[in-house]
Amino acid sequence: MNGDFLERMVALANYVGNELGALPDDDARYEMVVEIVESAEIVFAVWQDRSARDGVGYTMVKGQAIARQAVAVKRSVSTRIAAIPCQNAEQAEALLQEFGERGTLH
């Protein structure tokens, strides 16, 4: 993931984190995450990771087929992208298990 895109994903995840934090309870937060995943074509889980090159860990929760298609045709695609903040890789894996397609942690 290039640096500019990663910065945008971090900013988006931070924004979503603020929105999640303003909700009254876990049920409301869960429902917001469901809504985010359902409404986006590509979804990333993002967390701080001191061992990662840029200090950010991420995994694609949803959208692998779209990403593969864009790479195969060597063109950009227009999609709705979302980023959900996680505390760590384990929480990202739980998000992937609950809502996503199988992917690779980065």
Protein backbone atom coordinates (compact mmCIF):
# COMPACT_ATOMS: atom_id res chain seq x y z
CA MET A 1 0.00 0.00 0.00
CA ASN A 2 1.55 3.33 -0.95
CA GLY A 3 2.13 5.99 1.69
CA ASP A 4 -0.55 8.43 0.53
CA PHE A 5 -3.23 5.76 0.43
CA LEU A 6 -2.16 4.44 3.84
CA GLU A 7 -2.39 7.96 5.28
CA ARG A 8 -5.91 8.31 3.89
CA MET A 9 -6.91 4.95 5.39
CA VAL A 10 -5.52 5.98 8.79
CA ALA A 11 -7.40 9.29 8.63
CA LEU A 12 -10.60 7.51 7.64
CA ALA A 13 -10.18 4.93 10.42
CA ASN A 14 -9.57 7.73 12.93
CA TYR A 15 -12.74 9.48 11.78
CA VAL A 16 -14.75 6.26 12.10
CA GLY A 17 -13.18 5.67 15.52
CA ASN A 18 -14.39 9.07 16.70
CA GLU A 19 -17.89 8.31 15.39
CA LEU A 20 -17.90 4.90 17.08
CA GLY A 21 -16.70 6.45 20.33
CA ALA A 22 -19.63 8.86 20.35
CA LEU A 23 -22.19 6.05 20.27
CA PRO A 24 -23.91 5.06 23.52
CA ASP A 25 -23.13 1.33 23.71
CA ASP A 26 -21.59 -1.75 22.12
CA ASP A 27 -24.81 -2.67 20.28
CA ALA A 28 -24.88 0.71 18.55
CA ARG A 29 -21.19 0.41 17.66
CA TYR A 30 -21.72 -3.07 16.25
CA GLU A 31 -24.63 -1.84 14.14
CA MET A 32 -22.49 1.02 12.78
CA VAL A 33 -19.74 -1.43 11.80
CA VAL A 34 -22.33 -3.62 10.04
CA GLU A 35 -23.61 -0.58 8.16
CA ILE A 36 -20.07 0.46 7.15
CA VAL A 37 -19.17 -3.01 5.88
CA GLU A 38 -22.44 -3.43 3.99
CA SER A 39 -22.27 -0.01 2.34
CA ALA A 40 -18.64 -0.14 1.16
CA GLU A 41 -17.17 -2.20 -1.64
CA ILE A 42 -13.70 -2.31 -0.07
CA VAL A 43 -13.15 -2.30 3.69
CA PHE A 44 -9.84 -2.19 5.56
CA ALA A 45 -9.19 -2.85 9.23
CA VAL A 46 -6.45 -0.50 10.47
CA TRP A 47 -4.43 -0.52 13.71
CA GLN A 48 -1.20 0.81 15.18
CA ASP A 49 1.60 -1.71 14.77
CA ARG A 50 5.07 -0.73 15.94
CA SER A 51 6.60 -3.68 14.10
CA ALA A 52 5.17 -2.60 10.72
CA ARG A 53 7.31 -0.48 8.40
CA ASP A 54 5.03 2.55 8.63
CA GLY A 55 3.78 1.80 12.14
CA VAL A 56 0.39 0.80 10.78
CA GLY A 57 -1.06 -2.66 10.40
CA TYR A 58 -3.94 -3.30 8.06
CA THR A 59 -5.93 -6.03 6.41
CA MET A 60 -8.51 -5.97 3.68
CA VAL A 61 -11.74 -7.22 5.21
CA LYS A 62 -13.83 -6.91 2.06
CA GLY A 63 -13.08 -6.28 -1.60
CA GLN A 64 -10.34 -8.71 -2.59
CA ALA A 65 -12.03 -9.53 -5.90
CA ILE A 66 -12.28 -5.86 -6.85
CA ALA A 67 -8.64 -5.29 -5.92
CA ARG A 68 -7.49 -8.32 -7.93
CA GLN A 69 -9.48 -7.12 -10.95
CA ALA A 70 -7.91 -3.65 -10.78
CA VAL A 71 -4.42 -5.16 -10.61
CA ALA A 72 -5.15 -7.59 -13.45
CA VAL A 73 -6.30 -4.86 -15.83
CA LYS A 74 -3.73 -2.37 -14.49
CA ARG A 75 -6.36 0.34 -14.07
CA SER A 76 -7.81 2.16 -11.15
CA VAL A 77 -11.38 1.43 -10.22
CA SER A 78 -13.94 3.71 -8.62
CA THR A 79 -15.23 2.14 -5.40
CA ARG A 80 -16.56 3.11 -2.01
CA ILE A 81 -13.76 2.43 0.48
CA ALA A 82 -14.09 2.30 4.26
CA ALA A 83 -11.59 1.85 7.08
CA ILE A 84 -12.46 0.56 10.53
CA PRO A 85 -10.07 1.15 13.43
CA CYS A 86 -8.92 -1.84 15.47
CA GLN A 87 -6.91 -2.04 18.66
CA ASN A 88 -4.57 -4.72 17.27
CA ALA A 89 -4.17 -7.50 14.72
CA GLU A 90 -6.29 -9.88 16.78
CA GLN A 91 -9.24 -7.49 16.71
CA ALA A 92 -8.75 -7.05 12.96
CA GLU A 93 -8.81 -10.83 12.55
CA ALA A 94 -12.06 -10.98 14.55
CA LEU A 95 -13.52 -8.31 12.26
CA LEU A 96 -12.41 -10.34 9.25
CA GLN A 97 -13.98 -13.50 10.71
CA GLU A 98 -17.25 -11.73 11.49
CA PHE A 99 -17.74 -9.63 8.36
CA GLY A 100 -15.15 -10.28 5.74
CA GLU A 101 -13.51 -12.26 3.08
CA ARG A 102 -10.38 -14.21 3.86
CA GLY A 103 -7.29 -12.04 3.44
CA THR A 104 -3.78 -11.39 4.59
CA LEU A 105 -2.71 -9.21 7.50
CA HIS A 106 -0.09 -6.59 6.66
